[in-house]
Each structure stands twice: as structure tokens, then as C-alpha cells.
Amino acid sequence: MEYAFHVYNKLAADGAAMAVDKLLRADMERKLTPRRYSETPSDKRRNAEFQKRFDGNLEKPPVIVCIGSDLAIGDSLGPLVGSMLKYKTQGMHVFIYGTLAAPVTAKEIKYLRTFLKETHAGSQIVAVDAAVGAEGDIGLIKLTDSPLYPGAGAQKKLGAIGDISVMGIVAEKSVANYGLLNTTRLNLVYSMSEMLSDAIANVLWNRASAKRETFAGV
């Protein structure tokens, strides 16, 4: 399942928020519903581990992992989203990793996976990162129901992270990927970060509100 929105579409933030929520709910249903044939052995093991740790709270906020570095404009989408989310979710109990002050780079993914497994077992993970693609795709936000593979655009095999992935295509894919590092416009990356942080914050606040209403109704 995949959704795509262009950053300059006025309805992109609302569409992305709906997509994130829908993908998280579909992922939750898949993990909590036993399946005999449609999942790989690794999927079944992961789902079994999730079920063992799941606390029964369907509105529990996901953990947000924003990947990238502030040393290159094209790679700064993740840290920008993380920093904006920190501001837009003030007062909320939510875990956000990867900001301008404390970035999470692709080379740290293997350590972060272990940390998330030990610290946030039973929580859904939303992974955010910049990506490269076809020239006509620059400016697209892509949301999928599959893990994110940081560094894949640079032919790096760093493993997967996340239950759903959110990618902003910031540059055209090239052999050396100089476009990602050197020629990406800050305005594009900043606009994407604003839109994505709005969308994810919307989902987080809606879940927090639903949780409060549940407690109020008890």
C-alpha cells in the first residue's frame, strides 16, 4: 500500500495525515491478526514479538524516527521534521528520535534498531527520511506500509527500520548522488518538513485526544 502527495498541493498535509493513520491501523490489524500463509517467517516472528509486548492500547502514539544529517541540505529532511515535531507536540507524551540538535544518521541504524527493540517493544515505528528518485518525482512525499531502508539511494545496505515509512524525494537519483548533497534547495526541504511535521503531529494529537476521551468515558 502506497500513498503519494506533492509538497505544494494545498491538501497534502491533510492527505498525508490520513495516510499515516490508515497505514498505522492496517499495520496494527496485520500484526494482531494471525495469518497462516500470507506472511514470511520473519514477519510472523516480528508479529508474535509485537503481540507479546502489545499493551492493548490501539490509540497508543507511534515512535517517530527521523533519519538524516544536518551537514547536507538534501539529507536534512529527517532532522528538520524531528525538530518541528518536538515543537508541535509539546505537552504530549511521545517519543521522537532524530532532530537538528541530536540527529540520527543512517550509519547508526543498526544500533537504533536494538535500542528500539529493547526500549519500545510493542510500539509501532514511523520512519522518516529523504530520498532520491526520478526527476519528475522531486517534491513528492511517499508513504508506504513497509519498512524504510536508509542509504538505499546510495547503494548502501544498512538494513530496514520502521513499520511504515515516510519519504520525501528531494533530488534526482544519480550515480554519485551529488544532487542529494549539494544542489537540493533548502526551500524544498523546509517546505516538505513543514508539511510532514504538520501531518504527523495531527495524527499524534488525534490519538492523544482519543485516549483522553476513552478515559473520560470510563
N, C-alpha and C. Protein backbone atom coordinates (compact mmCIF):
# COMPACT_ATOMS: atom_id res chain seq x y z
N MET A 1 0.85 -1.18 0.00
CA MET A 1 0.00 0.00 0.00
C MET A 1 0.89 1.23 0.00
N GLU A 2 0.62 2.15 -0.91
CA GLU A 2 1.46 3.35 -1.02
C GLU A 2 0.60 4.56 -1.34
N TYR A 3 0.95 5.69 -0.72
CA TYR A 3 0.28 6.95 -0.99
C TYR A 3 1.36 7.96 -1.39
N ALA A 4 0.99 8.90 -2.25
CA ALA A 4 1.94 9.92 -2.67
C ALA A 4 1.23 11.27 -2.78
N PHE A 5 1.90 12.30 -2.28
CA PHE A 5 1.36 13.66 -2.32
C PHE A 5 2.48 14.61 -2.69
N HIS A 6 2.16 15.62 -3.49
CA HIS A 6 3.18 16.61 -3.82
C HIS A 6 3.21 17.67 -2.74
N VAL A 7 4.40 18.09 -2.39
CA VAL A 7 4.59 19.00 -1.27
C VAL A 7 3.83 20.32 -1.46
N TYR A 8 3.63 20.76 -2.71
CA TYR A 8 2.98 22.05 -2.93
C TYR A 8 1.48 21.92 -3.18
N ASN A 9 0.94 20.73 -2.99
CA ASN A 9 -0.51 20.54 -3.03
C ASN A 9 -1.09 21.05 -1.72
N LYS A 10 -2.07 21.93 -1.77
CA LYS A 10 -2.61 22.54 -0.55
C LYS A 10 -3.23 21.52 0.39
N LEU A 11 -3.67 20.39 -0.15
CA LEU A 11 -4.30 19.36 0.68
C LEU A 11 -3.32 18.26 1.08
N ALA A 12 -2.05 18.46 0.78
CA ALA A 12 -1.06 17.40 1.02
C ALA A 12 -0.94 17.04 2.50
N ALA A 13 -0.93 18.03 3.38
CA ALA A 13 -0.78 17.75 4.81
C ALA A 13 -1.94 16.92 5.34
N ASP A 14 -3.17 17.29 4.95
CA ASP A 14 -4.34 16.52 5.38
C ASP A 14 -4.31 15.12 4.80
N GLY A 15 -3.94 15.01 3.52
CA GLY A 15 -3.86 13.70 2.89
C GLY A 15 -2.80 12.82 3.51
N ALA A 16 -1.65 13.42 3.82
CA ALA A 16 -0.57 12.65 4.44
C ALA A 16 -0.97 12.20 5.84
N ALA A 17 -1.67 13.04 6.59
CA ALA A 17 -2.12 12.66 7.93
C ALA A 17 -3.08 11.48 7.85
N MET A 18 -4.01 11.53 6.92
CA MET A 18 -4.96 10.42 6.75
C MET A 18 -4.23 9.15 6.34
N ALA A 19 -3.21 9.30 5.48
CA ALA A 19 -2.45 8.14 5.02
C ALA A 19 -1.66 7.51 6.16
N VAL A 20 -1.00 8.34 6.97
CA VAL A 20 -0.23 7.81 8.11
C VAL A 20 -1.16 7.05 9.05
N ASP A 21 -2.30 7.64 9.37
CA ASP A 21 -3.24 6.98 10.28
C ASP A 21 -3.75 5.67 9.69
N LYS A 22 -4.08 5.68 8.41
CA LYS A 22 -4.59 4.47 7.77
C LYS A 22 -3.52 3.38 7.72
N LEU A 23 -2.30 3.75 7.40
CA LEU A 23 -1.21 2.77 7.35
C LEU A 23 -0.92 2.18 8.72
N LEU A 24 -0.97 3.02 9.76
CA LEU A 24 -0.73 2.52 11.11
C LEU A 24 -1.83 1.55 11.54
N ARG A 25 -3.07 1.88 11.20
CA ARG A 25 -4.18 0.99 11.58
C ARG A 25 -4.10 -0.34 10.82
N ALA A 26 -3.74 -0.28 9.55
CA ALA A 26 -3.60 -1.50 8.77
C ALA A 26 -2.46 -2.36 9.29
N ASP A 27 -1.35 -1.71 9.67
CA ASP A 27 -0.21 -2.43 10.24
C ASP A 27 -0.60 -3.08 11.56
N MET A 28 -1.33 -2.36 12.39
CA MET A 28 -1.77 -2.91 13.67
C MET A 28 -2.67 -4.12 13.46
N GLU A 29 -3.61 -4.01 12.53
CA GLU A 29 -4.51 -5.13 12.26
C GLU A 29 -3.74 -6.36 11.77
N ARG A 30 -2.77 -6.10 10.91
CA ARG A 30 -1.97 -7.21 10.37
C ARG A 30 -1.18 -7.90 11.48
N LYS A 31 -0.63 -7.12 12.39
CA LYS A 31 0.20 -7.69 13.45
C LYS A 31 -0.62 -8.47 14.47
N LEU A 32 -1.85 -8.01 14.70
CA LEU A 32 -2.66 -8.62 15.74
C LEU A 32 -3.57 -9.72 15.22
N THR A 33 -3.63 -9.91 13.92
CA THR A 33 -4.47 -10.95 13.32
C THR A 33 -3.60 -12.08 12.81
N PRO A 34 -3.71 -13.28 13.39
CA PRO A 34 -2.88 -14.41 12.93
C PRO A 34 -3.15 -14.74 11.47
N ARG A 35 -2.10 -14.99 10.72
CA ARG A 35 -2.22 -15.40 9.32
C ARG A 35 -1.31 -16.61 9.10
N ARG A 36 -1.81 -17.55 8.33
CA ARG A 36 -1.06 -18.80 8.15
C ARG A 36 -0.18 -18.79 6.92
N TYR A 37 -0.59 -18.07 5.87
CA TYR A 37 0.14 -18.21 4.61
C TYR A 37 0.68 -16.91 4.04
N SER A 38 0.10 -15.78 4.39
CA SER A 38 0.42 -14.54 3.69
C SER A 38 1.62 -13.78 4.26
N GLU A 39 2.28 -14.34 5.27
CA GLU A 39 3.42 -13.66 5.84
C GLU A 39 4.66 -14.55 5.80
N THR A 40 5.80 -13.92 5.69
CA THR A 40 7.05 -14.66 5.72
C THR A 40 7.36 -15.09 7.15
N PRO A 41 8.25 -16.05 7.36
CA PRO A 41 8.62 -16.44 8.72
C PRO A 41 9.11 -15.26 9.57
N SER A 42 9.87 -14.35 8.96
CA SER A 42 10.37 -13.20 9.72
C SER A 42 9.22 -12.28 10.13
N ASP A 43 8.22 -12.12 9.22
CA ASP A 43 7.05 -11.31 9.56
C ASP A 43 6.31 -11.93 10.74
N LYS A 44 6.14 -13.24 10.71
CA LYS A 44 5.41 -13.91 11.78
C LYS A 44 6.15 -13.80 13.11
N ARG A 45 7.47 -13.88 13.06
CA ARG A 45 8.25 -13.73 14.30
C ARG A 45 8.10 -12.32 14.85
N ARG A 46 8.17 -11.34 13.96
CA ARG A 46 8.04 -9.94 14.38
C ARG A 46 6.65 -9.68 14.95
N ASN A 47 5.64 -10.22 14.29
CA ASN A 47 4.27 -10.04 14.76
C ASN A 47 4.06 -10.71 16.12
N ALA A 48 4.63 -11.90 16.28
CA ALA A 48 4.49 -12.61 17.56
C ALA A 48 5.16 -11.82 18.68
N GLU A 49 6.32 -11.23 18.40
CA GLU A 49 7.01 -10.41 19.39
C GLU A 49 6.19 -9.18 19.73
N PHE A 50 5.59 -8.58 18.71
CA PHE A 50 4.76 -7.39 18.93
C PHE A 50 3.56 -7.74 19.81
N GLN A 51 2.90 -8.85 19.51
CA GLN A 51 1.73 -9.27 20.28
C GLN A 51 2.10 -9.53 21.75
N LYS A 52 3.27 -10.10 21.95
CA LYS A 52 3.72 -10.39 23.32
C LYS A 52 3.90 -9.11 24.13
N ARG A 53 4.32 -8.04 23.46
CA ARG A 53 4.61 -6.78 24.15
C ARG A 53 3.47 -5.76 24.08
N PHE A 54 2.51 -5.99 23.19
CA PHE A 54 1.44 -5.02 22.97
C PHE A 54 0.59 -4.86 24.23
N ASP A 55 0.30 -3.59 24.59
CA ASP A 55 -0.42 -3.34 25.85
C ASP A 55 -1.93 -3.18 25.65
N GLY A 56 -2.42 -3.42 24.44
CA GLY A 56 -3.85 -3.34 24.19
C GLY A 56 -4.37 -1.96 23.86
N ASN A 57 -3.50 -0.95 23.86
CA ASN A 57 -3.91 0.42 23.56
C ASN A 57 -3.80 0.69 22.07
N LEU A 58 -4.94 0.67 21.38
CA LEU A 58 -4.94 0.85 19.92
C LEU A 58 -4.63 2.29 19.53
N GLU A 59 -4.78 3.23 20.44
CA GLU A 59 -4.52 4.64 20.14
C GLU A 59 -3.16 5.08 20.65
N LYS A 60 -2.34 4.15 21.07
CA LYS A 60 -1.00 4.47 21.58
C LYS A 60 -0.19 5.19 20.49
N PRO A 61 0.47 6.30 20.82
CA PRO A 61 1.23 7.02 19.79
C PRO A 61 2.41 6.20 19.29
N PRO A 62 2.66 6.23 17.99
CA PRO A 62 3.83 5.52 17.47
C PRO A 62 5.11 6.25 17.86
N VAL A 63 6.22 5.55 17.77
CA VAL A 63 7.53 6.17 17.94
C VAL A 63 7.96 6.72 16.59
N ILE A 64 8.45 7.95 16.57
CA ILE A 64 8.85 8.59 15.31
C ILE A 64 10.37 8.61 15.23
N VAL A 65 10.90 8.05 14.16
CA VAL A 65 12.34 8.02 13.93
C VAL A 65 12.65 8.83 12.67
N CYS A 66 13.36 9.93 12.83
CA CYS A 66 13.67 10.83 11.72
C CYS A 66 15.16 10.71 11.39
N ILE A 67 15.44 10.21 10.21
CA ILE A 67 16.82 9.86 9.85
C ILE A 67 17.43 10.91 8.94
N GLY A 68 18.70 11.20 9.16
CA GLY A 68 19.38 12.14 8.28
C GLY A 68 20.43 12.95 9.04
N SER A 69 21.04 13.87 8.32
CA SER A 69 22.11 14.69 8.89
C SER A 69 21.90 16.14 8.51
N ASP A 70 22.26 17.04 9.42
CA ASP A 70 22.16 18.47 9.12
C ASP A 70 23.40 19.00 8.39
N LEU A 71 24.31 18.09 8.04
CA LEU A 71 25.53 18.51 7.34
C LEU A 71 25.32 18.69 5.84
N ALA A 72 24.19 18.22 5.31
CA ALA A 72 23.87 18.40 3.89
C ALA A 72 22.40 18.75 3.79
N ILE A 73 22.09 19.78 3.01
CA ILE A 73 20.70 20.23 2.90
C ILE A 73 19.80 19.09 2.46
N GLY A 74 20.24 18.34 1.46
CA GLY A 74 19.39 17.27 0.93
C GLY A 74 19.12 16.16 1.92
N ASP A 75 19.98 16.01 2.90
CA ASP A 75 19.83 14.92 3.87
C ASP A 75 19.22 15.41 5.19
N SER A 76 18.80 16.66 5.22
CA SER A 76 18.35 17.25 6.48
C SER A 76 16.84 17.16 6.69
N LEU A 77 16.13 16.51 5.78
CA LEU A 77 14.67 16.41 5.92
C LEU A 77 14.28 15.76 7.25
N GLY A 78 14.90 14.62 7.56
CA GLY A 78 14.56 13.92 8.79
C GLY A 78 14.78 14.76 10.04
N PRO A 79 16.00 15.30 10.25
CA PRO A 79 16.23 16.13 11.43
C PRO A 79 15.32 17.35 11.52
N LEU A 80 14.99 17.96 10.38
CA LEU A 80 14.07 19.09 10.39
C LEU A 80 12.68 18.66 10.85
N VAL A 81 12.20 17.54 10.30
CA VAL A 81 10.89 17.03 10.72
C VAL A 81 10.89 16.72 12.21
N GLY A 82 11.97 16.10 12.69
CA GLY A 82 12.06 15.77 14.10
C GLY A 82 12.02 17.01 14.99
N SER A 83 12.76 18.03 14.62
CA SER A 83 12.78 19.27 15.42
C SER A 83 11.43 19.96 15.40
N MET A 84 10.80 20.01 14.22
CA MET A 84 9.48 20.65 14.14
C MET A 84 8.44 19.86 14.94
N LEU A 85 8.55 18.54 14.90
CA LEU A 85 7.61 17.71 15.66
C LEU A 85 7.78 17.92 17.16
N LYS A 86 9.03 18.07 17.60
CA LYS A 86 9.27 18.33 19.02
C LYS A 86 8.50 19.57 19.47
N TYR A 87 8.51 20.60 18.62
CA TYR A 87 7.82 21.84 18.94
C TYR A 87 6.30 21.67 18.86
N LYS A 88 5.83 20.96 17.83
CA LYS A 88 4.39 20.85 17.59
C LYS A 88 3.70 19.84 18.50
N THR A 89 4.48 19.05 19.23
CA THR A 89 3.88 18.07 20.14
C THR A 89 4.24 18.36 21.60
N GLN A 90 4.58 19.60 21.89
CA GLN A 90 4.91 19.98 23.27
C GLN A 90 3.72 19.67 24.19
N GLY A 91 4.02 19.06 25.33
CA GLY A 91 2.97 18.71 26.26
C GLY A 91 2.41 17.32 26.04
N MET A 92 2.85 16.65 25.00
CA MET A 92 2.36 15.31 24.69
C MET A 92 3.42 14.28 25.06
N HIS A 93 2.98 13.12 25.53
CA HIS A 93 3.92 12.04 25.84
C HIS A 93 4.18 11.27 24.55
N VAL A 94 5.26 11.61 23.87
CA VAL A 94 5.58 10.97 22.59
C VAL A 94 7.10 10.88 22.46
N PHE A 95 7.56 9.85 21.77
CA PHE A 95 8.99 9.65 21.58
C PHE A 95 9.37 9.98 20.14
N ILE A 96 10.29 10.94 19.99
CA ILE A 96 10.78 11.37 18.67
C ILE A 96 12.29 11.30 18.69
N TYR A 97 12.85 10.54 17.78
CA TYR A 97 14.31 10.40 17.68
C TYR A 97 14.79 10.97 16.34
N GLY A 98 15.81 11.81 16.40
CA GLY A 98 16.37 12.41 15.20
C GLY A 98 15.92 13.86 15.05
N THR A 99 16.73 14.79 15.54
CA THR A 99 16.45 16.22 15.43
C THR A 99 17.72 16.94 14.97
N LEU A 100 17.61 18.24 14.71
CA LEU A 100 18.79 19.00 14.33
C LEU A 100 19.83 19.00 15.45
N ALA A 101 19.36 19.02 16.69
CA ALA A 101 20.28 19.03 17.83
C ALA A 101 20.88 17.65 18.08
N ALA A 102 20.13 16.60 17.78
CA ALA A 102 20.61 15.23 18.02
C ALA A 102 20.18 14.35 16.85
N PRO A 103 20.85 14.49 15.70
CA PRO A 103 20.44 13.71 14.52
C PRO A 103 20.74 12.22 14.64
N VAL A 104 19.95 11.45 13.93
CA VAL A 104 20.17 10.00 13.81
C VAL A 104 20.55 9.74 12.36
N THR A 105 21.79 9.39 12.11
CA THR A 105 22.25 9.17 10.75
C THR A 105 22.08 7.71 10.34
N ALA A 106 22.17 7.47 9.04
CA ALA A 106 21.95 6.13 8.52
C ALA A 106 22.92 5.11 9.11
N LYS A 107 24.15 5.54 9.38
CA LYS A 107 25.15 4.60 9.89
C LYS A 107 24.85 4.14 11.32
N GLU A 108 23.93 4.83 11.99
CA GLU A 108 23.57 4.47 13.36
C GLU A 108 22.34 3.57 13.44
N ILE A 109 21.80 3.20 12.29
CA ILE A 109 20.56 2.45 12.25
C ILE A 109 20.66 1.11 12.98
N LYS A 110 21.77 0.39 12.81
CA LYS A 110 21.86 -0.93 13.43
C LYS A 110 21.82 -0.84 14.95
N TYR A 111 22.38 0.24 15.50
CA TYR A 111 22.33 0.44 16.95
C TYR A 111 20.93 0.88 17.39
N LEU A 112 20.32 1.71 16.56
CA LEU A 112 18.99 2.21 16.89
C LEU A 112 17.96 1.08 16.87
N ARG A 113 18.10 0.15 15.94
CA ARG A 113 17.17 -0.98 15.90
C ARG A 113 17.19 -1.75 17.21
N THR A 114 18.39 -2.00 17.73
CA THR A 114 18.50 -2.71 19.01
C THR A 114 17.88 -1.90 20.13
N PHE A 115 18.13 -0.60 20.14
CA PHE A 115 17.57 0.28 21.16
C PHE A 115 16.05 0.27 21.12
N LEU A 116 15.48 0.37 19.92
CA LEU A 116 14.02 0.40 19.78
C LEU A 116 13.40 -0.92 20.23
N LYS A 117 14.07 -2.01 19.89
CA LYS A 117 13.55 -3.33 20.28
C LYS A 117 13.53 -3.48 21.79
N GLU A 118 14.54 -2.96 22.46
CA GLU A 118 14.63 -3.10 23.91
C GLU A 118 13.80 -2.07 24.66
N THR A 119 13.68 -0.88 24.09
CA THR A 119 13.03 0.22 24.79
C THR A 119 11.57 0.42 24.40
N HIS A 120 11.24 0.14 23.15
CA HIS A 120 9.89 0.42 22.65
C HIS A 120 9.24 -0.81 22.02
N ALA A 121 9.53 -1.97 22.56
CA ALA A 121 8.88 -3.19 22.07
C ALA A 121 7.37 -3.06 22.27
N GLY A 122 6.59 -3.41 21.25
CA GLY A 122 5.15 -3.28 21.35
C GLY A 122 4.64 -1.94 20.87
N SER A 123 5.53 -1.09 20.37
CA SER A 123 5.13 0.20 19.79
C SER A 123 5.36 0.17 18.28
N GLN A 124 4.51 0.86 17.56
CA GLN A 124 4.72 0.99 16.12
C GLN A 124 5.77 2.07 15.86
N ILE A 125 6.51 1.87 14.79
CA ILE A 125 7.59 2.80 14.44
C ILE A 125 7.30 3.45 13.09
N VAL A 126 7.32 4.77 13.05
CA VAL A 126 7.22 5.52 11.80
C VAL A 126 8.60 6.06 11.47
N ALA A 127 9.14 5.69 10.32
CA ALA A 127 10.48 6.13 9.92
C ALA A 127 10.38 7.19 8.82
N VAL A 128 11.10 8.28 9.00
CA VAL A 128 11.07 9.42 8.07
C VAL A 128 12.48 9.64 7.53
N ASP A 129 12.58 9.85 6.21
CA ASP A 129 13.91 10.08 5.63
C ASP A 129 13.77 10.76 4.29
N ALA A 130 14.85 11.39 3.84
CA ALA A 130 14.91 11.95 2.49
C ALA A 130 15.23 10.82 1.52
N ALA A 131 14.87 11.03 0.25
CA ALA A 131 15.11 10.01 -0.77
C ALA A 131 15.42 10.68 -2.09
N VAL A 132 16.01 9.92 -2.99
CA VAL A 132 16.22 10.38 -4.35
C VAL A 132 15.32 9.57 -5.27
N GLY A 133 15.02 10.13 -6.44
CA GLY A 133 14.12 9.45 -7.36
C GLY A 133 14.23 10.02 -8.76
N ALA A 134 13.24 9.74 -9.58
CA ALA A 134 13.22 10.28 -10.94
C ALA A 134 13.04 11.80 -10.89
N GLU A 135 13.50 12.47 -11.93
CA GLU A 135 13.42 13.94 -11.95
C GLU A 135 11.98 14.42 -11.74
N GLY A 136 11.03 13.73 -12.34
CA GLY A 136 9.63 14.14 -12.23
C GLY A 136 9.02 13.87 -10.88
N ASP A 137 9.71 13.13 -10.03
CA ASP A 137 9.19 12.80 -8.70
C ASP A 137 9.69 13.74 -7.61
N ILE A 138 10.59 14.64 -7.94
CA ILE A 138 11.11 15.57 -6.93
C ILE A 138 9.96 16.40 -6.37
N GLY A 139 9.86 16.43 -5.04
CA GLY A 139 8.76 17.14 -4.40
C GLY A 139 7.66 16.23 -3.91
N LEU A 140 7.74 14.95 -4.27
CA LEU A 140 6.73 14.00 -3.82
C LEU A 140 7.03 13.48 -2.42
N ILE A 141 5.98 13.32 -1.65
CA ILE A 141 6.05 12.64 -0.36
C ILE A 141 5.44 11.26 -0.57
N LYS A 142 6.18 10.21 -0.27
CA LYS A 142 5.67 8.85 -0.44
C LYS A 142 5.55 8.17 0.92
N LEU A 143 4.39 7.58 1.18
CA LEU A 143 4.12 6.88 2.44
C LEU A 143 3.75 5.45 2.11
N THR A 144 4.44 4.50 2.72
CA THR A 144 4.22 3.10 2.40
C THR A 144 4.06 2.26 3.67
N ASP A 145 3.46 1.07 3.48
CA ASP A 145 3.25 0.16 4.60
C ASP A 145 4.40 -0.83 4.73
N SER A 146 5.59 -0.37 4.46
CA SER A 146 6.77 -1.23 4.55
C SER A 146 7.89 -0.48 5.26
N PRO A 147 8.88 -1.21 5.78
CA PRO A 147 10.00 -0.54 6.47
C PRO A 147 10.78 0.37 5.54
N LEU A 148 11.54 1.25 6.13
CA LEU A 148 12.40 2.15 5.37
C LEU A 148 13.81 1.58 5.34
N TYR A 149 14.50 1.77 4.22
CA TYR A 149 15.87 1.29 4.06
C TYR A 149 16.80 2.49 3.87
N PRO A 150 17.30 3.05 4.94
CA PRO A 150 18.18 4.22 4.85
C PRO A 150 19.42 3.92 4.01
N GLY A 151 19.82 4.90 3.21
CA GLY A 151 21.02 4.74 2.39
C GLY A 151 20.82 3.94 1.12
N ALA A 152 19.60 3.47 0.87
CA ALA A 152 19.37 2.64 -0.32
C ALA A 152 19.66 3.41 -1.61
N GLY A 153 19.36 4.72 -1.59
CA GLY A 153 19.61 5.53 -2.78
C GLY A 153 21.09 5.65 -3.11
N ALA A 154 21.95 5.42 -2.14
CA ALA A 154 23.40 5.47 -2.35
C ALA A 154 24.00 4.07 -2.38
N GLN A 155 23.14 3.07 -2.64
CA GLN A 155 23.55 1.67 -2.71
C GLN A 155 24.19 1.16 -1.42
N LYS A 156 23.73 1.69 -0.29
CA LYS A 156 24.23 1.22 0.99
C LYS A 156 23.23 0.22 1.57
N LYS A 157 23.73 -0.87 2.11
CA LYS A 157 22.88 -1.89 2.70
C LYS A 157 22.99 -1.80 4.22
N LEU A 158 22.11 -0.99 4.79
CA LEU A 158 22.17 -0.72 6.23
C LEU A 158 21.03 -1.39 6.98
N GLY A 159 20.19 -2.12 6.28
CA GLY A 159 19.08 -2.79 6.94
C GLY A 159 17.84 -1.93 7.00
N ALA A 160 16.75 -2.51 7.46
CA ALA A 160 15.45 -1.84 7.48
C ALA A 160 15.13 -1.31 8.87
N ILE A 161 14.25 -0.31 8.91
CA ILE A 161 13.77 0.21 10.17
C ILE A 161 12.35 0.74 9.98
N GLY A 162 11.52 0.55 10.98
CA GLY A 162 10.16 1.10 10.94
C GLY A 162 9.11 0.10 10.49
N ASP A 163 7.87 0.41 10.84
CA ASP A 163 6.72 -0.37 10.38
C ASP A 163 6.09 0.27 9.17
N ILE A 164 6.10 1.59 9.13
CA ILE A 164 5.70 2.31 7.92
C ILE A 164 6.78 3.34 7.63
N SER A 165 6.90 3.71 6.38
CA SER A 165 7.96 4.65 6.00
C SER A 165 7.37 5.89 5.34
N VAL A 166 8.00 7.01 5.60
CA VAL A 166 7.62 8.30 5.03
C VAL A 166 8.87 8.88 4.37
N MET A 167 8.81 9.04 3.06
CA MET A 167 9.99 9.50 2.32
C MET A 167 9.67 10.75 1.52
N GLY A 168 10.57 11.71 1.58
CA GLY A 168 10.44 12.91 0.77
C GLY A 168 11.50 12.89 -0.32
N ILE A 169 11.09 12.91 -1.57
CA ILE A 169 12.04 12.87 -2.68
C ILE A 169 12.56 14.28 -2.93
N VAL A 170 13.83 14.48 -2.61
CA VAL A 170 14.41 15.83 -2.62
C VAL A 170 15.34 16.08 -3.80
N ALA A 171 15.75 15.04 -4.52
CA ALA A 171 16.71 15.22 -5.61
C ALA A 171 16.60 14.06 -6.60
N GLU A 172 17.15 14.30 -7.77
CA GLU A 172 17.16 13.26 -8.80
C GLU A 172 18.26 12.25 -8.50
N LYS A 173 17.94 10.99 -8.68
CA LYS A 173 18.92 9.95 -8.44
C LYS A 173 20.01 9.99 -9.49
N SER A 174 21.26 9.92 -9.03
CA SER A 174 22.39 9.93 -9.94
C SER A 174 23.43 8.95 -9.43
N VAL A 175 24.43 8.69 -10.24
CA VAL A 175 25.45 7.72 -9.86
C VAL A 175 26.16 8.14 -8.58
N ALA A 176 26.51 9.42 -8.49
CA ALA A 176 27.25 9.91 -7.32
C ALA A 176 26.34 10.54 -6.26
N ASN A 177 25.06 10.74 -6.63
CA ASN A 177 24.10 11.37 -5.72
C ASN A 177 24.56 12.75 -5.24
N TYR A 178 25.29 13.47 -6.11
CA TYR A 178 25.69 14.82 -5.73
C TYR A 178 24.48 15.73 -5.58
N GLY A 179 23.41 15.43 -6.34
CA GLY A 179 22.20 16.24 -6.24
C GLY A 179 21.64 16.24 -4.84
N LEU A 180 21.69 15.09 -4.18
CA LEU A 180 21.16 14.99 -2.82
C LEU A 180 21.98 15.85 -1.86
N LEU A 181 23.30 15.87 -2.08
CA LEU A 181 24.17 16.54 -1.11
C LEU A 181 24.38 18.02 -1.40
N ASN A 182 24.45 18.38 -2.66
CA ASN A 182 24.95 19.71 -3.00
C ASN A 182 23.96 20.65 -3.67
N THR A 183 22.98 20.14 -4.38
CA THR A 183 22.15 21.03 -5.19
C THR A 183 20.68 21.04 -4.79
N THR A 184 20.34 20.40 -3.70
CA THR A 184 18.96 20.42 -3.24
C THR A 184 18.63 21.79 -2.64
N ARG A 185 17.47 22.32 -2.99
CA ARG A 185 17.09 23.64 -2.48
C ARG A 185 16.56 23.53 -1.05
N LEU A 186 17.03 24.41 -0.20
CA LEU A 186 16.57 24.42 1.19
C LEU A 186 15.07 24.68 1.26
N ASN A 187 14.56 25.51 0.36
CA ASN A 187 13.13 25.81 0.37
C ASN A 187 12.29 24.55 0.20
N LEU A 188 12.73 23.66 -0.68
CA LEU A 188 12.01 22.40 -0.91
C LEU A 188 12.03 21.54 0.35
N VAL A 189 13.21 21.35 0.92
CA VAL A 189 13.34 20.50 2.11
C VAL A 189 12.57 21.09 3.27
N TYR A 190 12.63 22.41 3.45
CA TYR A 190 11.92 23.05 4.55
C TYR A 190 10.41 22.93 4.37
N SER A 191 9.94 23.12 3.14
CA SER A 191 8.50 23.01 2.87
C SER A 191 8.01 21.59 3.12
N MET A 192 8.80 20.60 2.71
CA MET A 192 8.46 19.21 2.98
C MET A 192 8.40 18.94 4.48
N SER A 193 9.37 19.48 5.20
CA SER A 193 9.43 19.26 6.64
C SER A 193 8.22 19.86 7.34
N GLU A 194 7.83 21.05 6.92
CA GLU A 194 6.64 21.70 7.49
C GLU A 194 5.41 20.84 7.25
N MET A 195 5.25 20.37 6.02
CA MET A 195 4.07 19.59 5.67
C MET A 195 4.04 18.27 6.41
N LEU A 196 5.17 17.57 6.45
CA LEU A 196 5.22 16.27 7.12
C LEU A 196 5.05 16.39 8.63
N SER A 197 5.67 17.39 9.22
CA SER A 197 5.53 17.56 10.67
C SER A 197 4.10 17.92 11.03
N ASP A 198 3.43 18.72 10.18
CA ASP A 198 2.02 19.02 10.41
C ASP A 198 1.19 17.75 10.36
N ALA A 199 1.45 16.91 9.34
CA ALA A 199 0.67 15.69 9.15
C ALA A 199 0.85 14.72 10.32
N ILE A 200 2.09 14.49 10.70
CA ILE A 200 2.36 13.52 11.77
C ILE A 200 1.87 14.06 13.11
N ALA A 201 2.06 15.35 13.36
CA ALA A 201 1.57 15.95 14.59
C ALA A 201 0.05 15.82 14.68
N ASN A 202 -0.62 15.99 13.56
CA ASN A 202 -2.08 15.84 13.51
C ASN A 202 -2.49 14.45 13.98
N VAL A 203 -1.80 13.43 13.48
CA VAL A 203 -2.10 12.04 13.86
C VAL A 203 -1.84 11.84 15.36
N LEU A 204 -0.72 12.35 15.85
CA LEU A 204 -0.37 12.17 17.25
C LEU A 204 -1.37 12.86 18.18
N TRP A 205 -1.77 14.09 17.83
CA TRP A 205 -2.74 14.80 18.67
C TRP A 205 -4.11 14.13 18.63
N ASN A 206 -4.51 13.62 17.46
CA ASN A 206 -5.79 12.93 17.36
C ASN A 206 -5.81 11.67 18.23
N ARG A 207 -4.69 10.96 18.25
CA ARG A 207 -4.61 9.76 19.08
C ARG A 207 -4.61 10.12 20.57
N ALA A 208 -3.92 11.19 20.91
CA ALA A 208 -3.91 11.62 22.30
C ALA A 208 -5.32 12.04 22.73
N SER A 209 -6.05 12.71 21.84
CA SER A 209 -7.42 13.13 22.13
C SER A 209 -8.33 11.92 22.30
N ALA A 210 -8.17 10.92 21.43
CA ALA A 210 -8.99 9.71 21.52
C ALA A 210 -8.74 8.98 22.83
N LYS A 211 -7.48 8.99 23.26
CA LYS A 211 -7.13 8.33 24.53
C LYS A 211 -7.78 9.05 25.70
N ARG A 212 -7.78 10.39 25.67
CA ARG A 212 -8.40 11.15 26.76
C ARG A 212 -9.90 10.90 26.80
N GLU A 213 -10.53 10.82 25.61
CA GLU A 213 -11.97 10.57 25.56
C GLU A 213 -12.30 9.18 26.08
N THR A 214 -11.41 8.22 25.83
CA THR A 214 -11.64 6.86 26.33
C THR A 214 -11.61 6.83 27.85
N PHE A 215 -10.62 7.51 28.44
CA PHE A 215 -10.52 7.56 29.89
C PHE A 215 -11.71 8.33 30.50
N ALA A 216 -12.15 9.39 29.80
CA ALA A 216 -13.25 10.18 30.31
C ALA A 216 -14.55 9.39 30.31
N GLY A 217 -14.65 8.45 29.38
CA GLY A 217 -15.88 7.67 29.26
C GLY A 217 -15.93 6.49 30.21
N VAL A 218 -14.80 6.18 30.86
CA VAL A 218 -14.76 5.04 31.79
C VAL A 218 -15.53 5.37 33.07
